[in-house]
Amino acid sequence: YGRTKRSFIRLGYGFSRSRNGAMQVFAVSCLPAVTGAWQYEGGGALYNQHSLPRLDRTLIEGLDIVDPSTRVLDQSRIGPILCGDSRDLGDGPPVTALFIQNTNPLVVSPDSGRVRRGFAREDLFVCVHEQFLTETAAMADIVLPATTFLEHDDIYTAGAHTFLQIGRAVVTPYAECRSNHAVQSALAKRLGASHPAFEMSALEIIEHTLRVSGLPSPDRFEKGVWHDCWPGFETGHFLDGFAHPDRKFHFRSDWSAFGPEHAKLPAFPDHVAAIDDGDPERPFRLVPAPSRSFLNTTFNNLASGIAREGRPTAMIHPDALAALALADGDRVRIGNAQGSVVVHARAVDGMQPRVVIVEGIWPNHAFEEGIGINLLTSADPGLPGGGAVFHDTSVWLRPA
């Protein structure tokens, strides 16, 4: 890497999902500054392009009326929160109502055993706005039907490319389905909440946001669909400076600006031994990676994706299988202190012997015992400011 001038690093999201994930990303971000790779086309590094468009989100997010006294809780700790963990709630009241859009916490949230116990509380009211009857929707008191992306106007920032996109509705919403914006505006009216955004259509909000952000109107997007936000090589590769007042790259991080646990991280990039590194009882590292056919739990209820993926499977090195007296296709139990799940083993060469990969995310009901792989992942917050640690889990393996 150090000898290759036009070297490029693509950081995946999974790389950040560990207790020391923030430090890992920071350390890797330093590498092209050390080698000088930014000065070459094709060189540098990328985590994501989400903030590239520089959108003024005041109207979209109601930033002009935010009440700073409102309690904010870490969604990745929804299990402990619903079970009354004082580390999250402090002296505050318990959470007694949830309005859920765009997520399926019964499956995707860590420590799903505790998530399930929390949702089972008799005093918890749950309303889910969804396209499918997910396992979270099945636990709700009220389910509201949601539109798909084909049925509403929206604006899309990017993960890896440089385009801001407009998605226009192409079909009428089915039956009583409503978009997120329509539901929130209707609730605001019933609750007596007022804001200009509640009186505007989604397209009007999009047009206003683009205008105040100095971006072209939707009718000037290329083919009416996208606008390239790439600022050019000199700015995009920081040749005219980094986003600090002195325009320099900073190898020293002020972690105190990012979270309460900042003292646990060194100022300069280094390895932080804060991970679940296993022990003789849990010698394997679990990687609950996404499959090619599912995106979190999106698409995991489509027959085509299920047919391609088959069933929940653990990829295990042949030597590790042999040590357990297991063969390809055998049932294997994977577990730790939080619980265990049963899947079928698949022997895979070319991976580390102490790594187990379970691709998904499969719905809970796809597993023999009715609960999925996130039963094993921890709700511990990542350093320094929280967030999920899905890829920081040690487990044991046993014949099922």
Protein backbone atom coordinates (compact mmCIF):
# COMPACT_ATOMS: atom_id res chain seq x y z
CA TYR A 1 0.00 0.00 0.00
CA GLY A 2 2.69 2.50 0.95
CA ARG A 3 4.56 1.98 -2.32
CA THR A 4 1.46 2.38 -4.52
CA LYS A 5 0.85 6.07 -5.19
CA ARG A 6 -2.66 5.68 -6.60
CA SER A 7 -3.93 3.55 -3.73
CA PHE A 8 -7.60 3.75 -2.74
CA ILE A 9 -9.34 2.44 0.39
CA ARG A 10 -13.08 1.74 0.45
CA LEU A 11 -14.30 1.51 4.03
CA GLY A 12 -17.44 -0.57 4.49
CA TYR A 13 -20.01 0.22 7.14
CA GLY A 14 -19.34 -3.10 8.89
CA PHE A 15 -15.79 -1.96 9.61
CA SER A 16 -17.19 0.67 11.98
CA ARG A 17 -19.61 -1.65 13.79
CA SER A 18 -17.42 -2.62 16.73
CA ARG A 19 -16.66 -1.16 20.13
CA ASN A 20 -13.53 0.50 18.73
CA GLY A 21 -15.08 1.15 15.31
CA ALA A 22 -14.74 4.93 15.41
CA MET A 23 -11.02 4.64 16.10
CA GLN A 24 -10.63 2.04 13.35
CA VAL A 25 -12.23 4.34 10.78
CA PHE A 26 -10.19 7.32 12.00
CA ALA A 27 -6.94 5.35 11.82
CA VAL A 28 -7.60 4.17 8.27
CA SER A 29 -8.63 7.68 7.21
CA CYS A 30 -5.13 8.83 8.16
CA LEU A 31 -3.39 6.48 5.73
CA PRO A 32 -3.86 8.41 2.45
CA ALA A 33 -2.76 11.59 4.25
CA VAL A 34 0.44 9.78 5.30
CA THR A 35 1.18 8.34 1.84
CA GLY A 36 0.04 11.37 -0.15
CA ALA A 37 -2.50 9.30 -2.09
CA TRP A 38 -5.01 12.18 -2.20
CA GLN A 39 -2.94 14.00 -4.82
CA TYR A 40 -3.60 11.30 -7.43
CA GLU A 41 -6.76 10.56 -9.37
CA GLY A 42 -7.96 7.18 -8.16
CA GLY A 43 -6.21 7.62 -4.82
CA GLY A 44 -7.57 8.38 -1.36
CA ALA A 45 -10.31 6.77 0.73
CA LEU A 46 -14.09 6.74 1.00
CA TYR A 47 -16.52 5.89 3.79
CA ASN A 48 -19.67 7.42 2.28
CA GLN A 49 -20.90 10.40 0.26
CA HIS A 50 -24.02 11.09 2.32
CA SER A 51 -23.11 14.69 3.17
CA LEU A 52 -21.74 15.60 -0.26
CA PRO A 53 -24.87 17.53 -1.43
CA ARG A 54 -24.67 20.00 1.52
CA LEU A 55 -28.44 20.01 1.98
CA ASP A 56 -30.05 22.54 4.29
CA ARG A 57 -32.25 20.16 6.28
CA THR A 58 -34.00 22.80 8.39
CA LEU A 59 -37.41 22.30 6.81
CA ILE A 60 -37.12 18.52 6.39
CA GLU A 61 -36.07 17.89 10.00
CA GLY A 62 -37.71 20.88 11.71
CA LEU A 63 -34.35 22.07 12.99
CA ASP A 64 -35.79 25.53 13.65
CA ILE A 65 -38.08 24.22 16.40
CA VAL A 66 -35.96 21.50 18.02
CA ASP A 67 -36.38 21.40 21.79
CA PRO A 68 -32.91 20.62 23.22
CA SER A 69 -34.49 19.35 26.43
CA THR A 70 -36.16 16.45 24.59
CA ARG A 71 -34.64 13.13 25.55
CA VAL A 72 -32.65 11.39 22.81
CA LEU A 73 -31.99 7.64 23.18
CA ASP A 74 -29.65 5.36 21.21
CA GLN A 75 -31.81 3.23 18.91
CA SER A 76 -29.19 0.47 18.88
CA ARG A 77 -29.92 0.00 22.60
CA ILE A 78 -33.67 -0.36 22.19
CA GLY A 79 -33.61 -3.69 24.08
CA PRO A 80 -32.02 -2.32 27.26
CA ILE A 81 -34.09 0.87 26.94
CA LEU A 82 -37.41 -0.99 26.80
CA CYS A 83 -36.26 -3.20 29.67
CA GLY A 84 -35.60 -0.15 31.87
CA ASP A 85 -31.79 0.01 31.86
CA SER A 86 -30.75 2.97 34.02
CA ARG A 87 -27.65 3.55 31.88
CA ASP A 88 -30.01 4.79 29.18
CA LEU A 89 -32.97 6.14 31.12
CA GLY A 90 -31.12 7.66 34.06
CA ASP A 91 -33.70 9.27 36.33
CA GLY A 92 -36.13 9.67 33.44
CA PRO A 93 -39.41 7.82 32.94
CA PRO A 94 -39.69 4.51 31.08
CA VAL A 95 -40.55 4.46 27.39
CA THR A 96 -44.25 3.59 27.18
CA ALA A 97 -45.03 4.31 23.51
CA LEU A 98 -43.26 3.72 20.20
CA PHE A 99 -44.08 5.03 16.72
CA ILE A 100 -41.95 3.08 14.24
CA GLN A 101 -41.10 3.88 10.62
CA ASN A 102 -38.35 2.53 8.36
CA THR A 103 -37.01 -0.12 10.71
CA ASN A 104 -37.74 -3.63 11.97
CA PRO A 105 -36.16 -3.71 15.46
CA LEU A 106 -37.47 -7.17 16.43
CA VAL A 107 -35.02 -8.53 13.86
CA VAL A 108 -32.34 -5.94 13.13
CA SER A 109 -31.57 -4.59 16.60
CA PRO A 110 -28.78 -6.13 18.71
CA ASP A 111 -29.52 -8.35 21.70
CA SER A 112 -32.86 -9.31 20.16
CA GLY A 113 -33.78 -11.44 23.17
CA ARG A 114 -34.04 -8.29 25.26
CA VAL A 115 -35.74 -6.45 22.41
CA ARG A 116 -38.42 -9.14 22.35
CA ARG A 117 -38.88 -8.95 26.13
CA GLY A 118 -39.20 -5.19 25.92
CA PHE A 119 -41.82 -5.30 23.18
CA ALA A 120 -43.79 -7.88 25.18
CA ARG A 121 -44.45 -5.39 28.00
CA GLU A 122 -48.16 -4.96 28.65
CA ASP A 123 -47.75 -1.24 29.32
CA LEU A 124 -45.99 -0.51 25.99
CA PHE A 125 -48.08 0.95 23.16
CA VAL A 126 -46.64 0.32 19.68
CA CYS A 127 -47.71 1.77 16.34
CA VAL A 128 -45.85 0.55 13.24
CA HIS A 129 -46.05 2.21 9.81
CA GLU A 130 -44.95 -0.51 7.38
CA GLN A 131 -45.19 -1.98 3.87
CA PHE A 132 -45.18 -5.59 5.08
CA LEU A 133 -46.37 -7.35 8.22
CA THR A 134 -42.87 -7.68 9.65
CA GLU A 135 -42.19 -9.33 12.98
CA THR A 136 -42.14 -5.86 14.55
CA ALA A 137 -45.49 -5.01 12.95
CA ALA A 138 -46.88 -8.28 14.28
CA MET A 139 -46.12 -7.06 17.82
CA ALA A 140 -47.83 -3.70 17.29
CA ASP A 141 -51.12 -2.47 18.72
CA ILE A 142 -51.78 -0.56 15.49
CA VAL A 143 -50.30 -1.12 12.01
CA LEU A 144 -50.54 1.66 9.42
CA PRO A 145 -49.95 0.75 5.74
CA ALA A 146 -46.99 2.54 4.13
CA THR A 147 -46.24 3.47 0.54
CA THR A 148 -43.31 2.08 -1.43
CA PHE A 149 -40.79 4.31 -3.21
CA LEU A 150 -42.90 4.03 -6.38
CA GLU A 151 -45.85 5.70 -4.66
CA HIS A 152 -44.37 8.89 -3.19
CA ASP A 153 -42.04 11.76 -4.08
CA ASP A 154 -38.68 11.72 -2.33
CA ILE A 155 -35.09 12.92 -2.46
CA TYR A 156 -32.16 10.52 -2.12
CA THR A 157 -28.59 11.15 -1.04
CA ALA A 158 -25.92 8.61 -1.91
CA GLY A 159 -23.91 5.96 -0.17
CA ALA A 160 -20.95 5.70 -2.53
CA HIS A 161 -21.74 7.66 -5.71
CA THR A 162 -21.87 11.45 -6.09
CA PHE A 163 -25.42 11.98 -7.33
CA LEU A 164 -28.36 13.59 -5.55
CA GLN A 165 -31.49 11.94 -6.89
CA ILE A 166 -35.17 12.78 -7.13
CA GLY A 167 -37.66 9.91 -7.07
CA ARG A 168 -41.11 10.88 -8.31
CA ALA A 169 -44.22 8.83 -7.63
CA VAL A 170 -45.13 6.76 -10.68
CA VAL A 171 -48.23 4.96 -9.36
CA THR A 172 -51.08 5.93 -7.06
CA PRO A 173 -50.69 4.67 -3.46
CA TYR A 174 -52.45 1.35 -2.96
CA ALA A 175 -55.65 1.49 -0.91
CA GLU A 176 -54.99 3.36 2.37
CA CYS A 177 -51.18 3.41 2.12
CA ARG A 178 -49.58 6.73 3.08
CA SER A 179 -46.03 8.06 2.97
CA ASN A 180 -44.00 8.94 6.07
CA HIS A 181 -44.58 12.63 5.41
CA ALA A 182 -48.34 12.21 4.98
CA VAL A 183 -48.66 10.27 8.24
CA GLN A 184 -46.51 12.70 10.22
CA SER A 185 -48.43 15.71 8.86
CA ALA A 186 -51.78 14.10 9.69
CA LEU A 187 -50.61 13.24 13.21
CA ALA A 188 -49.35 16.80 13.70
CA LYS A 189 -52.76 18.18 12.77
CA ARG A 190 -54.50 15.89 15.26
CA LEU A 191 -52.00 16.74 17.99
CA GLY A 192 -52.15 20.48 17.43
CA ALA A 193 -48.51 20.75 16.32
CA SER A 194 -47.73 23.41 13.74
CA HIS A 195 -44.84 23.86 11.32
CA PRO A 196 -44.71 25.02 7.68
CA ALA A 197 -43.57 21.57 6.55
CA PHE A 198 -46.81 19.99 7.78
CA GLU A 199 -48.76 22.16 5.32
CA MET A 200 -46.54 21.38 2.32
CA SER A 201 -46.43 18.47 -0.08
CA ALA A 202 -43.30 16.32 -0.26
CA LEU A 203 -42.42 17.86 -3.62
CA GLU A 204 -42.81 21.38 -2.23
CA ILE A 205 -40.44 20.50 0.61
CA ILE A 206 -37.95 19.05 -1.87
CA GLU A 207 -38.10 22.16 -4.07
CA HIS A 208 -37.65 24.49 -1.06
CA THR A 209 -34.74 22.44 0.30
CA LEU A 210 -32.93 22.47 -3.03
CA ARG A 211 -33.47 26.21 -3.44
CA VAL A 212 -32.12 27.22 -0.01
CA SER A 213 -29.23 24.77 -0.46
CA GLY A 214 -28.15 26.48 -3.69
CA LEU A 215 -28.98 23.42 -5.78
CA PRO A 216 -30.98 23.28 -9.02
CA SER A 217 -34.73 22.65 -8.98
CA PRO A 218 -35.93 19.12 -9.81
CA ASP A 219 -36.86 20.11 -13.39
CA ARG A 220 -33.20 20.99 -13.98
CA PHE A 221 -31.87 17.65 -12.74
CA GLU A 222 -30.30 15.61 -15.53
CA LYS A 223 -33.11 13.66 -17.19
CA GLY A 224 -35.25 14.95 -14.31
CA VAL A 225 -33.66 12.38 -12.01
CA TRP A 226 -30.16 13.24 -10.77
CA HIS A 227 -27.67 16.02 -10.11
CA ASP A 228 -23.92 15.39 -9.83
CA CYS A 229 -22.64 16.99 -6.61
CA TRP A 230 -18.98 16.14 -7.19
CA PRO A 231 -17.04 19.36 -6.42
CA GLY A 232 -14.15 18.56 -8.72
CA PHE A 233 -10.80 16.86 -8.20
CA GLU A 234 -9.06 19.65 -6.28
CA THR A 235 -11.78 20.00 -3.65
CA GLY A 236 -12.88 16.36 -3.69
CA HIS A 237 -9.31 15.25 -2.97
CA PHE A 238 -8.66 18.02 -0.42
CA LEU A 239 -5.86 19.62 -2.43
CA ASP A 240 -7.32 22.98 -1.40
CA GLY A 241 -7.49 21.90 2.24
CA PHE A 242 -9.40 19.78 4.73
CA ALA A 243 -12.48 20.86 6.69
CA HIS A 244 -10.61 22.52 9.57
CA PRO A 245 -9.95 26.23 10.09
CA ASP A 246 -6.24 25.69 9.36
CA ARG A 247 -7.13 23.54 6.28
CA LYS A 248 -4.75 20.80 7.46
CA PHE A 249 -5.41 17.11 8.06
CA HIS A 250 -5.51 16.47 11.82
CA PHE A 251 -3.93 13.26 13.11
CA ARG A 252 -5.07 14.18 16.62
CA SER A 253 -8.79 13.71 17.22
CA ASP A 254 -10.90 15.64 19.71
CA TRP A 255 -13.08 12.71 20.74
CA SER A 256 -14.85 14.85 23.35
CA ALA A 257 -16.85 16.39 20.51
CA PHE A 258 -18.28 13.00 19.58
CA GLY A 259 -19.48 11.36 22.78
CA PRO A 260 -19.34 10.91 26.54
CA GLU A 261 -16.89 7.98 26.50
CA HIS A 262 -14.14 10.01 24.81
CA ALA A 263 -11.63 9.38 27.59
CA LYS A 264 -11.44 5.71 26.58
CA LEU A 265 -9.94 6.59 23.19
CA PRO A 266 -6.40 7.88 22.58
CA ALA A 267 -6.06 11.19 20.77
CA PHE A 268 -3.82 9.74 18.06
CA PRO A 269 -4.69 6.71 15.88
CA ASP A 270 -3.88 3.47 17.63
CA HIS A 271 -5.33 0.04 18.33
CA VAL A 272 -7.92 0.16 21.11
CA ALA A 273 -8.31 -3.15 22.93
CA ALA A 274 -11.98 -2.60 23.66
CA ILE A 275 -13.42 -5.41 21.56
CA ASP A 276 -15.08 -8.69 22.52
CA ASP A 277 -11.91 -10.62 21.74
CA GLY A 278 -13.17 -13.98 22.90
CA ASP A 279 -11.76 -16.52 25.35
CA PRO A 280 -11.34 -20.31 25.50
CA GLU A 281 -15.10 -20.68 25.98
CA ARG A 282 -15.91 -18.44 22.99
CA PRO A 283 -13.04 -18.83 20.54
CA PHE A 284 -14.88 -17.86 17.34
CA ARG A 285 -15.58 -14.39 15.94
CA LEU A 286 -19.07 -13.97 14.48
CA VAL A 287 -19.61 -11.92 11.31
CA PRO A 288 -23.37 -11.40 10.69
CA ALA A 289 -22.75 -9.94 7.23
CA PRO A 290 -25.47 -8.94 4.74
CA SER A 291 -26.38 -11.41 2.04
CA ARG A 292 -26.54 -10.52 -1.65
CA SER A 293 -30.33 -10.83 -1.73
CA PHE A 294 -31.34 -8.97 1.45
CA LEU A 295 -30.67 -5.42 2.66
CA ASN A 296 -31.08 -5.51 6.44
CA THR A 297 -34.57 -7.08 6.47
CA THR A 298 -35.68 -5.43 3.23
CA PHE A 299 -36.39 -8.09 0.57
CA ASN A 300 -36.17 -10.99 3.04
CA ASN A 301 -39.88 -11.68 2.60
CA LEU A 302 -39.67 -11.95 -1.19
CA ALA A 303 -39.83 -15.45 -2.63
CA SER A 304 -37.09 -14.70 -5.18
CA GLY A 305 -34.55 -13.69 -2.52
CA ILE A 306 -35.44 -16.58 -0.24
CA ALA A 307 -35.01 -19.00 -3.14
CA ARG A 308 -31.54 -17.63 -3.91
CA GLU A 309 -30.37 -17.67 -0.29
CA GLY A 310 -31.94 -20.99 0.70
CA ARG A 311 -31.79 -20.97 4.51
CA PRO A 312 -29.79 -19.47 7.39
CA THR A 313 -26.28 -20.88 7.05
CA ALA A 314 -23.00 -20.60 8.94
CA MET A 315 -19.87 -20.45 6.80
CA ILE A 316 -17.15 -22.26 8.74
CA HIS A 317 -13.60 -23.25 7.84
CA PRO A 318 -13.31 -27.01 7.09
CA ASP A 319 -10.63 -27.46 9.78
CA ALA A 320 -12.92 -25.92 12.41
CA LEU A 321 -15.76 -28.18 11.30
CA ALA A 322 -13.52 -31.24 11.49
CA ALA A 323 -12.43 -30.32 15.03
CA LEU A 324 -16.11 -30.29 16.01
CA ALA A 325 -16.76 -33.61 14.23
CA LEU A 326 -19.13 -31.78 11.87
CA ALA A 327 -19.48 -31.96 8.11
CA ASP A 328 -20.84 -29.66 5.44
CA GLY A 329 -24.63 -29.44 5.79
CA ASP A 330 -24.76 -30.52 9.45
CA ARG A 331 -26.74 -28.54 11.99
CA VAL A 332 -24.57 -26.43 14.28
CA ARG A 333 -25.47 -24.44 17.38
CA ILE A 334 -23.84 -21.00 17.73
CA GLY A 335 -23.98 -19.27 21.10
CA ASN A 336 -22.68 -17.05 23.85
CA ALA A 337 -24.00 -15.74 27.18
CA GLN A 338 -26.96 -14.07 25.45
CA GLY A 339 -28.34 -17.28 23.94
CA SER A 340 -27.87 -19.61 20.98
CA VAL A 341 -29.26 -20.30 17.51
CA VAL A 342 -29.20 -23.36 15.26
CA VAL A 343 -28.21 -23.11 11.59
CA HIS A 344 -26.78 -25.40 8.94
CA ALA A 345 -23.01 -25.42 8.43
CA ARG A 346 -21.32 -24.76 5.10
CA ALA A 347 -17.63 -25.55 4.73
CA VAL A 348 -15.79 -22.63 3.13
CA ASP A 349 -12.07 -22.55 2.34
CA GLY A 350 -10.27 -19.22 2.19
CA MET A 351 -11.56 -17.82 5.47
CA GLN A 352 -9.89 -17.65 8.86
CA PRO A 353 -10.41 -20.80 10.96
CA ARG A 354 -11.73 -18.85 13.96
CA VAL A 355 -14.29 -16.80 12.01
CA VAL A 356 -17.95 -17.76 11.51
CA ILE A 357 -20.02 -15.91 8.90
CA VAL A 358 -23.83 -15.98 9.02
CA GLU A 359 -25.23 -13.92 6.15
CA GLY A 360 -28.66 -12.31 6.45
CA ILE A 361 -30.59 -10.73 7.88
CA TRP A 362 -33.11 -13.57 7.90
CA PRO A 363 -36.44 -13.10 9.68
CA ASN A 364 -36.63 -14.69 13.11
CA HIS A 365 -39.13 -17.28 11.95
CA ALA A 366 -36.57 -18.63 9.44
CA PHE A 367 -34.57 -20.05 12.36
CA GLU A 368 -35.45 -23.36 14.01
CA GLU A 369 -36.12 -21.80 17.41
CA GLY A 370 -37.86 -18.66 16.19
CA ILE A 371 -35.20 -16.06 16.90
CA GLY A 372 -32.42 -14.85 14.64
CA ILE A 373 -28.73 -14.10 14.63
CA ASN A 374 -29.00 -10.78 16.48
CA LEU A 375 -29.83 -12.75 19.60
CA LEU A 376 -26.04 -13.08 19.85
CA THR A 377 -24.94 -9.51 19.06
CA SER A 378 -24.38 -7.10 21.93
CA ALA A 379 -26.21 -3.85 22.67
CA ASP A 380 -23.03 -2.41 24.18
CA PRO A 381 -22.53 1.10 22.78
CA GLY A 382 -19.61 1.80 20.48
CA LEU A 383 -17.00 4.31 21.62
CA PRO A 384 -17.23 7.23 22.16
CA GLY A 385 -20.87 8.12 21.45
CA GLY A 386 -22.88 4.93 21.00
CA GLY A 387 -24.08 3.06 17.95
CA ALA A 388 -24.32 -0.64 17.21
CA VAL A 389 -21.43 -3.14 17.45
CA PHE A 390 -22.85 -5.89 15.24
CA HIS A 391 -19.43 -7.15 14.10
CA ASP A 392 -17.86 -7.39 17.53
CA THR A 393 -19.16 -10.71 18.85
CA SER A 394 -17.39 -13.83 20.12
CA VAL A 395 -19.23 -17.17 20.12
CA TRP A 396 -18.86 -20.89 20.67
CA LEU A 397 -19.85 -23.65 18.23
CA ARG A 398 -21.32 -27.04 19.12
CA PRO A 399 -23.02 -29.84 17.24
CA ALA A 400 -26.79 -29.25 17.36
